[in-house]
């Protein structure tokens, strides 16, 4: 199959219509796009945060809770950080200052599984509320593997149907058996595949390819079923693994490609969209039970509101990140429809 160029990406990153590479390699483009890469891909905090005067002051009897993300490296104008600050503002506004949420700057050290365990047990330094990856929750509750299964969530419309519908509510409710209360779903976008040199025409091009995958069985099973060699590597170590030749490819989010500057060591981005990066805002069950019914309603209402906004912003960030990656010299490809059909048809064992 001859792949035709994908045109117009720099101007309309969300309307990709071709089947093959976009090349934007003009001289001086890196200097011209530095501002776009480092700052332009994210929604500005000033556009979303409430002014200090709009947040009710904390009465002496206020209930204080803390919230953290499972990552410590996100900038304050990232959609997730904005959402956590807005959670604090909205909870205070709804409660007239009786419910105060403090946004922590750092996170619990360790793997997602260790973070979730620290949250559940209320260990020293753990917040009462935390945004965690659905991948980590799958180790507690197998039903959360849904989001990591290949093409189980094919697009944003399907994602909204799940997280806003009865299936999403059932997933959140299932956490009560594990010492947590699920409040709302945020997102990290869809995982894509980036390669150092390889060009993907068909399934044969994936065979034997070493691919960095999530430290999760479902992720490894997916690439094994596709004929690749999965190598579980934490996000912080991906660049080193690529530079050393330990892996030829990696699965991840376009925002991560930009933030970690993987475009400097990899040149091909393949829009596979093979799994959905759901994130879940959870609260420790003992904390939830310490709240009265009205306080629970305030917290859940605030969480659901900011989560809907965050998912929209995350999709805007992805579109902007795609544009920035193309300007930085990364070749952005839609995979051939025959290859996508083969990937969808080849299911890993759950």
C-alpha atoms as a PDB file:
ATOM      1  CA  UNK A   1       0.000   0.000   0.000  1.00  0.00           C
ATOM      2  CA  UNK A   2       1.256   3.473  -0.897  1.00  0.00           C
ATOM      3  CA  UNK A   3       0.538   5.921   1.898  1.00  0.00           C
ATOM      4  CA  UNK A   4      -0.604   9.375   0.857  1.00  0.00           C
ATOM      5  CA  UNK A   5       0.520  12.464   2.807  1.00  0.00           C
ATOM      6  CA  UNK A   6      -1.676  13.714   5.609  1.00  0.00           C
ATOM      7  CA  UNK A   7      -2.209  17.403   4.915  1.00  0.00           C
ATOM      8  CA  UNK A   8      -3.389  20.348   6.948  1.00  0.00           C
ATOM      9  CA  UNK A   9      -2.324  19.001  10.347  1.00  0.00           C
ATOM     10  CA  UNK A  10      -0.579  22.168  11.444  1.00  0.00           C
ATOM     11  CA  UNK A  11      -3.777  24.138  11.032  1.00  0.00           C
ATOM     12  CA  UNK A  12      -6.406  21.516  11.898  1.00  0.00           C
ATOM     13  CA  UNK A  13      -4.964  18.782  14.093  1.00  0.00           C
ATOM     14  CA  UNK A  14      -8.353  17.316  14.906  1.00  0.00           C
ATOM     15  CA  UNK A  15      -9.423  16.810  11.292  1.00  0.00           C
ATOM     16  CA  UNK A  16      -6.934  14.250  10.033  1.00  0.00           C
ATOM     17  CA  UNK A  17      -8.050  12.778   6.741  1.00  0.00           C
ATOM     18  CA  UNK A  18      -5.062  11.125   5.039  1.00  0.00           C
ATOM     19  CA  UNK A  19      -3.297   7.857   5.655  1.00  0.00           C
ATOM     20  CA  UNK A  20       0.349   8.731   6.058  1.00  0.00           C
ATOM     21  CA  UNK A  21       3.091  11.068   7.208  1.00  0.00           C
ATOM     22  CA  UNK A  22       2.986  14.755   7.830  1.00  0.00           C
ATOM     23  CA  UNK A  23       6.444  16.298   7.551  1.00  0.00           C
ATOM     24  CA  UNK A  24       6.984  19.789   8.877  1.00  0.00           C
ATOM     25  CA  UNK A  25      10.740  20.150   8.892  1.00  0.00           C
ATOM     26  CA  UNK A  26      11.314  23.767   7.781  1.00  0.00           C
ATOM     27  CA  UNK A  27      14.535  25.428   8.914  1.00  0.00           C
ATOM     28  CA  UNK A  28      14.291  27.189  12.220  1.00  0.00           C
ATOM     29  CA  UNK A  29      10.997  25.556  13.148  1.00  0.00           C
ATOM     30  CA  UNK A  30      12.203  24.405  16.556  1.00  0.00           C
ATOM     31  CA  UNK A  31      13.064  27.933  17.633  1.00  0.00           C
ATOM     32  CA  UNK A  32       9.819  29.299  16.264  1.00  0.00           C
ATOM     33  CA  UNK A  33       7.772  26.634  18.013  1.00  0.00           C
ATOM     34  CA  UNK A  34       9.500  26.565  21.388  1.00  0.00           C
ATOM     35  CA  UNK A  35       6.772  28.627  22.963  1.00  0.00           C
ATOM     36  CA  UNK A  36       4.096  26.392  21.443  1.00  0.00           C
ATOM     37  CA  UNK A  37       5.766  23.206  22.687  1.00  0.00           C
ATOM     38  CA  UNK A  38       6.436  24.322  26.204  1.00  0.00           C
ATOM     39  CA  UNK A  39       3.443  26.467  26.960  1.00  0.00           C
ATOM     40  CA  UNK A  40       0.977  26.751  24.118  1.00  0.00           C
ATOM     41  CA  UNK A  41      -0.400  23.237  24.366  1.00  0.00           C
ATOM     42  CA  UNK A  42      -2.031  23.755  27.716  1.00  0.00           C
ATOM     43  CA  UNK A  43      -5.018  25.804  28.784  1.00  0.00           C
ATOM     44  CA  UNK A  44      -3.933  28.858  30.738  1.00  0.00           C
ATOM     45  CA  UNK A  45      -4.747  28.787  34.419  1.00  0.00           C
ATOM     46  CA  UNK A  46      -5.846  32.390  34.400  1.00  0.00           C
ATOM     47  CA  UNK A  47      -8.715  31.518  32.070  1.00  0.00           C
ATOM     48  CA  UNK A  48     -10.253  29.033  34.465  1.00  0.00           C
ATOM     49  CA  UNK A  49      -9.415  29.729  38.088  1.00  0.00           C
ATOM     50  CA  UNK A  50     -11.796  31.693  40.254  1.00  0.00           C
ATOM     51  CA  UNK A  51     -10.467  34.919  41.724  1.00  0.00           C
ATOM     52  CA  UNK A  52      -9.536  34.638  45.384  1.00  0.00           C
ATOM     53  CA  UNK A  53     -12.340  36.982  46.347  1.00  0.00           C
ATOM     54  CA  UNK A  54     -14.889  34.545  44.825  1.00  0.00           C
ATOM     55  CA  UNK A  55     -13.957  31.714  47.184  1.00  0.00           C
ATOM     56  CA  UNK A  56     -15.772  31.822  50.534  1.00  0.00           C
ATOM     57  CA  UNK A  57     -13.529  32.175  53.544  1.00  0.00           C
ATOM     58  CA  UNK A  58     -13.134  29.120  55.749  1.00  0.00           C
ATOM     59  CA  UNK A  59     -15.237  29.226  58.926  1.00  0.00           C
ATOM     60  CA  UNK A  60     -13.694  27.866  62.096  1.00  0.00           C
ATOM     61  CA  UNK A  61     -15.837  24.707  61.868  1.00  0.00           C
ATOM     62  CA  UNK A  62     -14.944  23.939  58.225  1.00  0.00           C
ATOM     63  CA  UNK A  63     -14.098  20.388  57.184  1.00  0.00           C
ATOM     64  CA  UNK A  64     -10.622  20.326  55.592  1.00  0.00           C
ATOM     65  CA  UNK A  65      -9.622  17.695  53.015  1.00  0.00           C
ATOM     66  CA  UNK A  66      -6.535  17.388  50.823  1.00  0.00           C
ATOM     67  CA  UNK A  67      -6.293  16.252  47.192  1.00  0.00           C
ATOM     68  CA  UNK A  68      -3.333  15.161  45.050  1.00  0.00           C
ATOM     69  CA  UNK A  69      -2.635  13.762  41.613  1.00  0.00           C
ATOM     70  CA  UNK A  70      -0.684  10.523  41.150  1.00  0.00           C
ATOM     71  CA  UNK A  71       1.958  12.527  39.218  1.00  0.00           C
ATOM     72  CA  UNK A  72       4.138  15.287  40.603  1.00  0.00           C
ATOM     73  CA  UNK A  73       5.443  16.723  37.329  1.00  0.00           C
ATOM     74  CA  UNK A  74       2.351  18.356  35.807  1.00  0.00           C
ATOM     75  CA  UNK A  75       2.485  22.150  35.400  1.00  0.00           C
ATOM     76  CA  UNK A  76      -0.166  24.189  37.166  1.00  0.00           C
ATOM     77  CA  UNK A  77      -1.852  25.110  33.863  1.00  0.00           C
ATOM     78  CA  UNK A  78      -2.383  21.456  32.886  1.00  0.00           C
ATOM     79  CA  UNK A  79      -6.054  20.468  32.654  1.00  0.00           C
ATOM     80  CA  UNK A  80      -5.711  18.117  35.640  1.00  0.00           C
ATOM     81  CA  UNK A  81      -4.126  20.715  37.913  1.00  0.00           C
ATOM     82  CA  UNK A  82      -6.736  23.255  36.864  1.00  0.00           C
ATOM     83  CA  UNK A  83      -9.457  20.730  37.691  1.00  0.00           C
ATOM     84  CA  UNK A  84      -8.081  20.065  41.171  1.00  0.00           C
ATOM     85  CA  UNK A  85      -7.943  23.788  41.943  1.00  0.00           C
ATOM     86  CA  UNK A  86     -11.466  24.207  40.593  1.00  0.00           C
ATOM     87  CA  UNK A  87     -12.594  21.311  42.785  1.00  0.00           C
ATOM     88  CA  UNK A  88     -11.358  23.302  45.768  1.00  0.00           C
ATOM     89  CA  UNK A  89     -13.085  26.475  44.572  1.00  0.00           C
ATOM     90  CA  UNK A  90     -16.382  24.793  43.744  1.00  0.00           C
ATOM     91  CA  UNK A  91     -16.526  22.789  46.979  1.00  0.00           C
ATOM     92  CA  UNK A  92     -15.960  25.973  48.970  1.00  0.00           C
ATOM     93  CA  UNK A  93     -18.550  27.887  46.947  1.00  0.00           C
ATOM     94  CA  UNK A  94     -21.209  25.166  47.194  1.00  0.00           C
ATOM     95  CA  UNK A  95     -20.702  24.773  50.934  1.00  0.00           C
ATOM     96  CA  UNK A  96     -20.362  28.445  51.805  1.00  0.00           C
ATOM     97  CA  UNK A  97     -16.830  27.734  52.972  1.00  0.00           C
ATOM     98  CA  UNK A  98     -17.773  24.773  55.167  1.00  0.00           C
ATOM     99  CA  UNK A  99     -15.917  22.284  52.927  1.00  0.00           C
ATOM    100  CA  UNK A 100     -12.315  23.229  52.180  1.00  0.00           C
ATOM    101  CA  UNK A 101     -10.135  21.206  49.797  1.00  0.00           C
ATOM    102  CA  UNK A 102      -6.395  21.852  49.822  1.00  0.00           C
ATOM    103  CA  UNK A 103      -4.564  21.004  46.567  1.00  0.00           C
ATOM    104  CA  UNK A 104      -1.201  19.413  47.363  1.00  0.00           C
ATOM    105  CA  UNK A 105       1.787  20.257  45.141  1.00  0.00           C
ATOM    106  CA  UNK A 106       3.398  16.804  45.286  1.00  0.00           C
ATOM    107  CA  UNK A 107       2.283  13.201  45.347  1.00  0.00           C
ATOM    108  CA  UNK A 108       2.734   9.930  47.221  1.00  0.00           C
ATOM    109  CA  UNK A 109       6.023   8.291  46.210  1.00  0.00           C
ATOM    110  CA  UNK A 110       6.036   4.876  44.574  1.00  0.00           C
ATOM    111  CA  UNK A 111       4.184   2.959  41.877  1.00  0.00           C
ATOM    112  CA  UNK A 112       0.449   3.491  41.201  1.00  0.00           C
ATOM    113  CA  UNK A 113      -0.320   0.358  43.225  1.00  0.00           C
ATOM    114  CA  UNK A 114       1.686   1.617  46.203  1.00  0.00           C
ATOM    115  CA  UNK A 115       0.068   5.052  45.941  1.00  0.00           C
ATOM    116  CA  UNK A 116      -3.417   3.573  45.966  1.00  0.00           C
ATOM    117  CA  UNK A 117      -2.574   1.357  48.931  1.00  0.00           C
ATOM    118  CA  UNK A 118      -1.217   4.347  50.878  1.00  0.00           C
ATOM    119  CA  UNK A 119      -4.409   6.255  50.095  1.00  0.00           C
ATOM    120  CA  UNK A 120      -6.644   3.367  51.181  1.00  0.00           C
ATOM    121  CA  UNK A 121      -4.763   2.863  54.443  1.00  0.00           C
ATOM    122  CA  UNK A 122      -4.496   6.569  55.256  1.00  0.00           C
ATOM    123  CA  UNK A 123      -0.752   6.371  55.656  1.00  0.00           C
ATOM    124  CA  UNK A 124       1.362   9.353  56.640  1.00  0.00           C
ATOM    125  CA  UNK A 125       1.564  11.908  53.840  1.00  0.00           C
ATOM    126  CA  UNK A 126      -1.374  10.479  51.902  1.00  0.00           C
ATOM    127  CA  UNK A 127      -4.208  12.852  50.920  1.00  0.00           C
ATOM    128  CA  UNK A 128      -7.863  12.117  51.592  1.00  0.00           C
ATOM    129  CA  UNK A 129      -8.760  12.532  47.902  1.00  0.00           C
ATOM    130  CA  UNK A 130      -6.597  11.484  44.937  1.00  0.00           C
ATOM    131  CA  UNK A 131      -6.722  11.322  41.166  1.00  0.00           C
ATOM    132  CA  UNK A 132      -5.488   7.859  40.167  1.00  0.00           C
ATOM    133  CA  UNK A 133      -5.109   6.023  36.859  1.00  0.00           C
ATOM    134  CA  UNK A 134      -7.711   3.400  36.010  1.00  0.00           C
ATOM    135  CA  UNK A 135      -4.783   1.123  35.132  1.00  0.00           C
ATOM    136  CA  UNK A 136      -3.710   1.169  38.785  1.00  0.00           C
ATOM    137  CA  UNK A 137      -7.257   0.547  40.007  1.00  0.00           C
ATOM    138  CA  UNK A 138      -7.466  -2.550  37.791  1.00  0.00           C
ATOM    139  CA  UNK A 139      -5.105  -4.265  40.216  1.00  0.00           C
ATOM    140  CA  UNK A 140      -7.821  -3.853  42.853  1.00  0.00           C
ATOM    141  CA  UNK A 141     -10.930  -4.195  40.732  1.00  0.00           C
ATOM    142  CA  UNK A 142     -10.522  -6.181  37.508  1.00  0.00           C
ATOM    143  CA  UNK A 143     -13.433  -4.442  35.769  1.00  0.00           C
ATOM    144  CA  UNK A 144     -11.253  -1.319  35.372  1.00  0.00           C
ATOM    145  CA  UNK A 145      -9.180  -3.294  32.829  1.00  0.00           C
ATOM    146  CA  UNK A 146     -11.895  -2.249  30.374  1.00  0.00           C
ATOM    147  CA  UNK A 147     -10.036   0.965  29.591  1.00  0.00           C
ATOM    148  CA  UNK A 148      -6.730  -0.764  28.769  1.00  0.00           C
ATOM    149  CA  UNK A 149      -8.231  -3.411  26.477  1.00  0.00           C
ATOM    150  CA  UNK A 150      -7.536  -2.714  22.801  1.00  0.00           C
ATOM    151  CA  UNK A 151     -10.307  -0.665  21.206  1.00  0.00           C
ATOM    152  CA  UNK A 152     -12.780  -1.414  24.003  1.00  0.00           C
ATOM    153  CA  UNK A 153     -13.264   2.373  24.060  1.00  0.00           C
ATOM    154  CA  UNK A 154     -12.910   3.350  20.387  1.00  0.00           C
ATOM    155  CA  UNK A 155     -13.386   7.115  20.577  1.00  0.00           C
ATOM    156  CA  UNK A 156     -14.287  10.097  22.757  1.00  0.00           C
ATOM    157  CA  UNK A 157     -18.013   9.626  22.157  1.00  0.00           C
ATOM    158  CA  UNK A 158     -17.811   6.063  23.472  1.00  0.00           C
ATOM    159  CA  UNK A 159     -15.751   7.252  26.433  1.00  0.00           C
ATOM    160  CA  UNK A 160     -18.398   9.814  27.371  1.00  0.00           C
ATOM    161  CA  UNK A 161     -21.128   7.197  27.079  1.00  0.00           C
ATOM    162  CA  UNK A 162     -19.277   4.952  29.518  1.00  0.00           C
ATOM    163  CA  UNK A 163     -18.114   7.438  32.128  1.00  0.00           C
ATOM    164  CA  UNK A 164     -21.379   9.393  32.202  1.00  0.00           C
ATOM    165  CA  UNK A 165     -23.623   6.344  32.046  1.00  0.00           C
ATOM    166  CA  UNK A 166     -24.608   3.372  34.213  1.00  0.00           C
ATOM    167  CA  UNK A 167     -21.458   1.437  33.309  1.00  0.00           C
ATOM    168  CA  UNK A 168     -19.277   4.215  34.679  1.00  0.00           C
ATOM    169  CA  UNK A 169     -21.379   4.502  37.826  1.00  0.00           C
ATOM    170  CA  UNK A 170     -21.103   0.738  38.383  1.00  0.00           C
ATOM    171  CA  UNK A 171     -17.315   0.969  38.037  1.00  0.00           C
ATOM    172  CA  UNK A 172     -17.152   3.774  40.593  1.00  0.00           C
ATOM    173  CA  UNK A 173     -19.484   1.946  42.963  1.00  0.00           C
ATOM    174  CA  UNK A 174     -17.337  -1.199  42.773  1.00  0.00           C
ATOM    175  CA  UNK A 175     -14.531   0.630  44.600  1.00  0.00           C
ATOM    176  CA  UNK A 176     -16.477   0.612  47.864  1.00  0.00           C
ATOM    177  CA  UNK A 177     -15.405  -3.012  48.356  1.00  0.00           C
ATOM    178  CA  UNK A 178     -11.803  -1.809  48.389  1.00  0.00           C
ATOM    179  CA  UNK A 179     -11.942   1.065  50.868  1.00  0.00           C
ATOM    180  CA  UNK A 180     -12.474   3.802  48.297  1.00  0.00           C
ATOM    181  CA  UNK A 181     -15.345   5.904  46.979  1.00  0.00           C
ATOM    182  CA  UNK A 182     -15.277   6.826  43.291  1.00  0.00           C
ATOM    183  CA  UNK A 183     -16.341  10.409  42.624  1.00  0.00           C
ATOM    184  CA  UNK A 184     -15.832  11.072  38.898  1.00  0.00           C
ATOM    185  CA  UNK A 185     -13.823  10.231  35.778  1.00  0.00           C
ATOM    186  CA  UNK A 186     -11.154  12.482  34.288  1.00  0.00           C
ATOM    187  CA  UNK A 187      -8.957  11.485  31.369  1.00  0.00           C
ATOM    188  CA  UNK A 188      -5.473  11.444  29.870  1.00  0.00           C
ATOM    189  CA  UNK A 189      -6.578  10.944  26.270  1.00  0.00           C
ATOM    190  CA  UNK A 190      -5.990   7.916  24.051  1.00  0.00           C
ATOM    191  CA  UNK A 191      -2.750   5.979  23.886  1.00  0.00           C
ATOM    192  CA  UNK A 192      -0.866   6.130  20.609  1.00  0.00           C
ATOM    193  CA  UNK A 193       2.227   4.299  19.334  1.00  0.00           C
ATOM    194  CA  UNK A 194       5.481   6.099  18.526  1.00  0.00           C
ATOM    195  CA  UNK A 195       8.454   4.478  16.803  1.00  0.00           C
ATOM    196  CA  UNK A 196      12.094   5.382  16.346  1.00  0.00           C
ATOM    197  CA  UNK A 197      12.459   4.210  12.739  1.00  0.00           C
ATOM    198  CA  UNK A 198       9.824   1.624  11.920  1.00  0.00           C
ATOM    199  CA  UNK A 199       7.109   2.377   9.368  1.00  0.00           C
ATOM    200  CA  UNK A 200       3.826   0.550   9.941  1.00  0.00           C
ATOM    201  CA  UNK A 201       2.174  -0.766   6.797  1.00  0.00           C
ATOM    202  CA  UNK A 202       0.655  -3.935   8.288  1.00  0.00           C
ATOM    203  CA  UNK A 203       0.748  -6.424  11.143  1.00  0.00           C
ATOM    204  CA  UNK A 204       4.063  -7.822   9.915  1.00  0.00           C
ATOM    205  CA  UNK A 205       5.755  -4.551  10.864  1.00  0.00           C
ATOM    206  CA  UNK A 206       4.766  -5.044  14.510  1.00  0.00           C
ATOM    207  CA  UNK A 207       6.150  -8.572  14.742  1.00  0.00           C
ATOM    208  CA  UNK A 208       9.235  -8.769  16.913  1.00  0.00           C
ATOM    209  CA  UNK A 209       9.183  -5.030  17.682  1.00  0.00           C
ATOM    210  CA  UNK A 210      10.232  -4.181  21.258  1.00  0.00           C
ATOM    211  CA  UNK A 211       7.559  -1.879  22.676  1.00  0.00           C
ATOM    212  CA  UNK A 212       7.487  -0.056  25.975  1.00  0.00           C
ATOM    213  CA  UNK A 213       4.157  -0.856  27.558  1.00  0.00           C
ATOM    214  CA  UNK A 214       2.408   0.020  30.783  1.00  0.00           C
ATOM    215  CA  UNK A 215       3.380  -2.032  33.837  1.00  0.00           C
ATOM    216  CA  UNK A 216       0.019  -3.800  33.453  1.00  0.00           C
ATOM    217  CA  UNK A 217      -0.893  -7.273  32.228  1.00  0.00           C
ATOM    218  CA  UNK A 218      -3.583  -6.050  29.832  1.00  0.00           C
ATOM    219  CA  UNK A 219      -1.126  -3.749  28.073  1.00  0.00           C
ATOM    220  CA  UNK A 220       1.487  -6.498  27.736  1.00  0.00           C
ATOM    221  CA  UNK A 221      -1.124  -8.999  26.514  1.00  0.00           C
ATOM    222  CA  UNK A 222      -2.254  -6.578  23.814  1.00  0.00           C
ATOM    223  CA  UNK A 223       1.170  -6.176  22.239  1.00  0.00           C
ATOM    224  CA  UNK A 224       1.961  -9.857  22.609  1.00  0.00           C
ATOM    225  CA  UNK A 225      -1.214 -10.631  20.652  1.00  0.00           C
ATOM    226  CA  UNK A 226      -0.025  -8.201  17.992  1.00  0.00           C
ATOM    227  CA  UNK A 227       3.292 -10.051  17.704  1.00  0.00           C
ATOM    228  CA  UNK A 228       5.432  -7.467  19.480  1.00  0.00           C
ATOM    229  CA  UNK A 229       7.754  -7.897  22.461  1.00  0.00           C
ATOM    230  CA  UNK A 230       6.326  -5.896  25.397  1.00  0.00           C
ATOM    231  CA  UNK A 231       8.737  -4.316  27.884  1.00  0.00           C
ATOM    232  CA  UNK A 232       7.062  -2.831  30.974  1.00  0.00           C
ATOM    233  CA  UNK A 233       8.755   0.481  31.789  1.00  0.00           C
ATOM    234  CA  UNK A 234       7.641   3.349  34.035  1.00  0.00           C
ATOM    235  CA  UNK A 235       6.906   6.613  32.231  1.00  0.00           C
ATOM    236  CA  UNK A 236       9.904   8.338  33.841  1.00  0.00           C
ATOM    237  CA  UNK A 237      12.305   5.807  32.281  1.00  0.00           C
ATOM    238  CA  UNK A 238      10.914   5.700  28.743  1.00  0.00           C
ATOM    239  CA  UNK A 239      13.292   8.191  27.169  1.00  0.00           C
ATOM    240  CA  UNK A 240      16.360   6.415  28.545  1.00  0.00           C
ATOM    241  CA  UNK A 241      15.046   3.086  27.256  1.00  0.00           C
ATOM    242  CA  UNK A 242      14.621   4.534  23.777  1.00  0.00           C
ATOM    243  CA  UNK A 243      18.041   6.196  23.745  1.00  0.00           C
ATOM    244  CA  UNK A 244      19.750   2.997  24.902  1.00  0.00           C
ATOM    245  CA  UNK A 245      17.956   0.910  22.281  1.00  0.00           C
ATOM    246  CA  UNK A 246      16.162  -1.181  24.898  1.00  0.00           C
ATOM    247  CA  UNK A 247      12.901  -0.501  23.037  1.00  0.00           C
ATOM    248  CA  UNK A 248      12.092   0.569  19.474  1.00  0.00           C
ATOM    249  CA  UNK A 249       8.642   1.918  20.207  1.00  0.00           C
ATOM    250  CA  UNK A 250       6.431   3.029  23.066  1.00  0.00           C
ATOM    251  CA  UNK A 251       2.746   3.454  23.802  1.00  0.00           C
ATOM    252  CA  UNK A 252       1.677   6.669  25.460  1.00  0.00           C
ATOM    253  CA  UNK A 253      -0.227   9.923  25.243  1.00  0.00           C
ATOM    254  CA  UNK A 254       0.633  12.740  22.845  1.00  0.00           C
ATOM    255  CA  UNK A 255       0.830  15.159  25.789  1.00  0.00           C
ATOM    256  CA  UNK A 256       3.497  12.922  27.359  1.00  0.00           C
ATOM    257  CA  UNK A 257       5.438  12.829  24.080  1.00  0.00           C
ATOM    258  CA  UNK A 258       5.572  16.604  24.190  1.00  0.00           C
ATOM    259  CA  UNK A 259       6.245  17.051  27.915  1.00  0.00           C
ATOM    260  CA  UNK A 260       9.112  14.551  27.936  1.00  0.00           C
ATOM    261  CA  UNK A 261      10.428  15.704  24.524  1.00  0.00           C
ATOM    262  CA  UNK A 262      10.382  12.210  23.061  1.00  0.00           C
ATOM    263  CA  UNK A 263      10.176  13.851  19.633  1.00  0.00           C
ATOM    264  CA  UNK A 264      13.925  14.406  20.028  1.00  0.00           C
ATOM    265  CA  UNK A 265      14.604  10.651  20.043  1.00  0.00           C
ATOM    266  CA  UNK A 266      11.650   9.323  18.035  1.00  0.00           C
ATOM    267  CA  UNK A 267      10.421  10.531  14.664  1.00  0.00           C
ATOM    268  CA  UNK A 268       7.180   8.650  13.983  1.00  0.00           C
ATOM    269  CA  UNK A 269       3.851   8.985  15.769  1.00  0.00           C
ATOM    270  CA  UNK A 270       1.146   6.508  14.772  1.00  0.00           C
ATOM    271  CA  UNK A 271      -2.417   7.456  15.692  1.00  0.00           C
ATOM    272  CA  UNK A 272      -3.514   4.006  16.812  1.00  0.00           C
ATOM    273  CA  UNK A 273      -5.798   5.240  19.612  1.00  0.00           C
ATOM    274  CA  UNK A 274      -5.716   1.694  20.938  1.00  0.00           C
ATOM    275  CA  UNK A 275      -6.695   2.331  24.580  1.00  0.00           C
ATOM    276  CA  UNK A 276      -8.252   5.054  26.700  1.00  0.00           C
ATOM    277  CA  UNK A 277      -6.426   6.700  29.588  1.00  0.00           C
ATOM    278  CA  UNK A 278      -9.219   6.989  32.134  1.00  0.00           C
ATOM    279  CA  UNK A 279      -8.406   8.591  35.474  1.00  0.00           C
ATOM    280  CA  UNK A 280     -10.590   8.414  38.551  1.00  0.00           C
ATOM    281  CA  UNK A 281     -11.033  10.896  41.363  1.00  0.00           C
ATOM    282  CA  UNK A 282     -11.392   8.800  44.521  1.00  0.00           C
ATOM    283  CA  UNK A 283     -11.760   9.545  48.217  1.00  0.00           C
ATOM    284  CA  UNK A 284     -10.780   7.294  51.107  1.00  0.00           C
ATOM    285  CA  UNK A 285     -13.874   5.514  52.398  1.00  0.00           C
ATOM    286  CA  UNK A 286     -13.248   6.425  56.044  1.00  0.00           C
ATOM    287  CA  UNK A 287     -13.040  10.102  55.033  1.00  0.00           C
ATOM    288  CA  UNK A 288     -16.275   9.825  53.057  1.00  0.00           C
ATOM    289  CA  UNK A 289     -18.091   8.307  56.008  1.00  0.00           C
ATOM    290  CA  UNK A 290     -16.881  11.149  58.224  1.00  0.00           C
ATOM    291  CA  UNK A 291     -18.789  13.586  55.997  1.00  0.00           C
ATOM    292  CA  UNK A 292     -22.494  14.095  56.505  1.00  0.00           C
ATOM    293  CA  UNK A 293     -24.907  13.585  53.605  1.00  0.00           C
ATOM    294  CA  UNK A 294     -24.942  17.247  52.648  1.00  0.00           C
ATOM    295  CA  UNK A 295     -21.131  17.445  52.616  1.00  0.00           C
ATOM    296  CA  UNK A 296     -20.995  14.279  50.484  1.00  0.00           C
ATOM    297  CA  UNK A 297     -23.392  15.893  48.014  1.00  0.00           C
ATOM    298  CA  UNK A 298     -21.262  19.038  47.807  1.00  0.00           C
ATOM    299  CA  UNK A 299     -18.091  17.066  47.171  1.00  0.00           C
ATOM    300  CA  UNK A 300     -19.593  14.744  44.560  1.00  0.00           C
ATOM    301  CA  UNK A 301     -21.312  17.599  42.732  1.00  0.00           C
ATOM    302  CA  UNK A 302     -18.082  19.596  42.578  1.00  0.00           C
ATOM    303  CA  UNK A 303     -16.101  16.545  41.421  1.00  0.00           C
ATOM    304  CA  UNK A 304     -18.523  15.655  38.625  1.00  0.00           C
ATOM    305  CA  UNK A 305     -18.605  19.237  37.377  1.00  0.00           C
ATOM    306  CA  UNK A 306     -14.840  19.738  37.186  1.00  0.00           C
ATOM    307  CA  UNK A 307     -14.313  16.262  35.674  1.00  0.00           C
ATOM    308  CA  UNK A 308     -16.559  17.086  32.711  1.00  0.00           C
ATOM    309  CA  UNK A 309     -14.619  20.280  32.079  1.00  0.00           C
ATOM    310  CA  UNK A 310     -11.280  18.497  32.450  1.00  0.00           C
ATOM    311  CA  UNK A 311     -12.154  15.868  29.837  1.00  0.00           C
ATOM    312  CA  UNK A 312     -13.014  18.586  27.341  1.00  0.00           C
ATOM    313  CA  UNK A 313      -9.802  20.462  28.071  1.00  0.00           C
ATOM    314  CA  UNK A 314      -7.744  17.267  27.822  1.00  0.00           C
ATOM    315  CA  UNK A 315      -8.984  16.772  24.256  1.00  0.00           C
ATOM    316  CA  UNK A 316      -8.075  20.353  23.414  1.00  0.00           C
ATOM    317  CA  UNK A 317      -4.608  19.780  24.882  1.00  0.00           C
ATOM    318  CA  UNK A 318      -4.167  16.671  22.739  1.00  0.00           C
ATOM    319  CA  UNK A 319      -5.091  18.576  19.581  1.00  0.00           C
ATOM    320  CA  UNK A 320      -2.616  21.334  20.429  1.00  0.00           C
ATOM    321  CA  UNK A 321       0.079  18.813  21.344  1.00  0.00           C
ATOM    322  CA  UNK A 322      -0.324  17.089  17.966  1.00  0.00           C
ATOM    323  CA  UNK A 323       0.190  20.406  16.218  1.00  0.00           C
ATOM    324  CA  UNK A 324       3.268  21.177  18.310  1.00  0.00           C
ATOM    325  CA  UNK A 325       4.798  17.734  17.709  1.00  0.00           C
ATOM    326  CA  UNK A 326       4.349  18.124  13.966  1.00  0.00           C
ATOM    327  CA  UNK A 327       5.999  21.560  14.083  1.00  0.00           C
ATOM    328  CA  UNK A 328       8.865  20.027  16.064  1.00  0.00           C
ATOM    329  CA  UNK A 329       9.573  17.632  13.216  1.00  0.00           C
ATOM    330  CA  UNK A 330       7.719  14.526  14.301  1.00  0.00           C
ATOM    331  CA  UNK A 331       6.018  12.697  11.443  1.00  0.00           C
ATOM    332  CA  UNK A 332       2.393  12.105  12.368  1.00  0.00           C
ATOM    333  CA  UNK A 333       0.653   9.200  10.628  1.00  0.00           C
ATOM    334  CA  UNK A 334      -2.797   7.784  10.456  1.00  0.00           C
ATOM    335  CA  UNK A 335      -2.427   4.027  10.276  1.00  0.00           C
ATOM    336  CA  UNK A 336      -3.764   2.326   7.136  1.00  0.00           C
ATOM    337  CA  UNK A 337      -7.398   1.208   7.594  1.00  0.00           C
ATOM    338  CA  UNK A 338      -6.431  -2.416   6.881  1.00  0.00           C
ATOM    339  CA  UNK A 339      -3.924  -2.344   9.752  1.00  0.00           C
ATOM    340  CA  UNK A 340      -6.437  -0.780  12.123  1.00  0.00           C
ATOM    341  CA  UNK A 341      -8.983  -3.454  11.235  1.00  0.00           C
ATOM    342  CA  UNK A 342      -6.381  -6.148  11.988  1.00  0.00           C
ATOM    343  CA  UNK A 343      -5.504  -4.552  15.336  1.00  0.00           C
ATOM    344  CA  UNK A 344      -9.157  -4.366  16.318  1.00  0.00           C
ATOM    345  CA  UNK A 345      -9.759  -7.961  15.255  1.00  0.00           C
ATOM    346  CA  UNK A 346      -6.730  -9.324  17.126  1.00  0.00           C
ATOM    347  CA  UNK A 347      -7.866  -9.467  20.742  1.00  0.00           C
ATOM    348  CA  UNK A 348      -5.659 -10.291  23.693  1.00  0.00           C
ATOM    349  CA  UNK A 349      -7.016 -12.730  26.255  1.00  0.00           C
ATOM    350  CA  UNK A 350      -8.629 -10.767  29.151  1.00  0.00           C
END
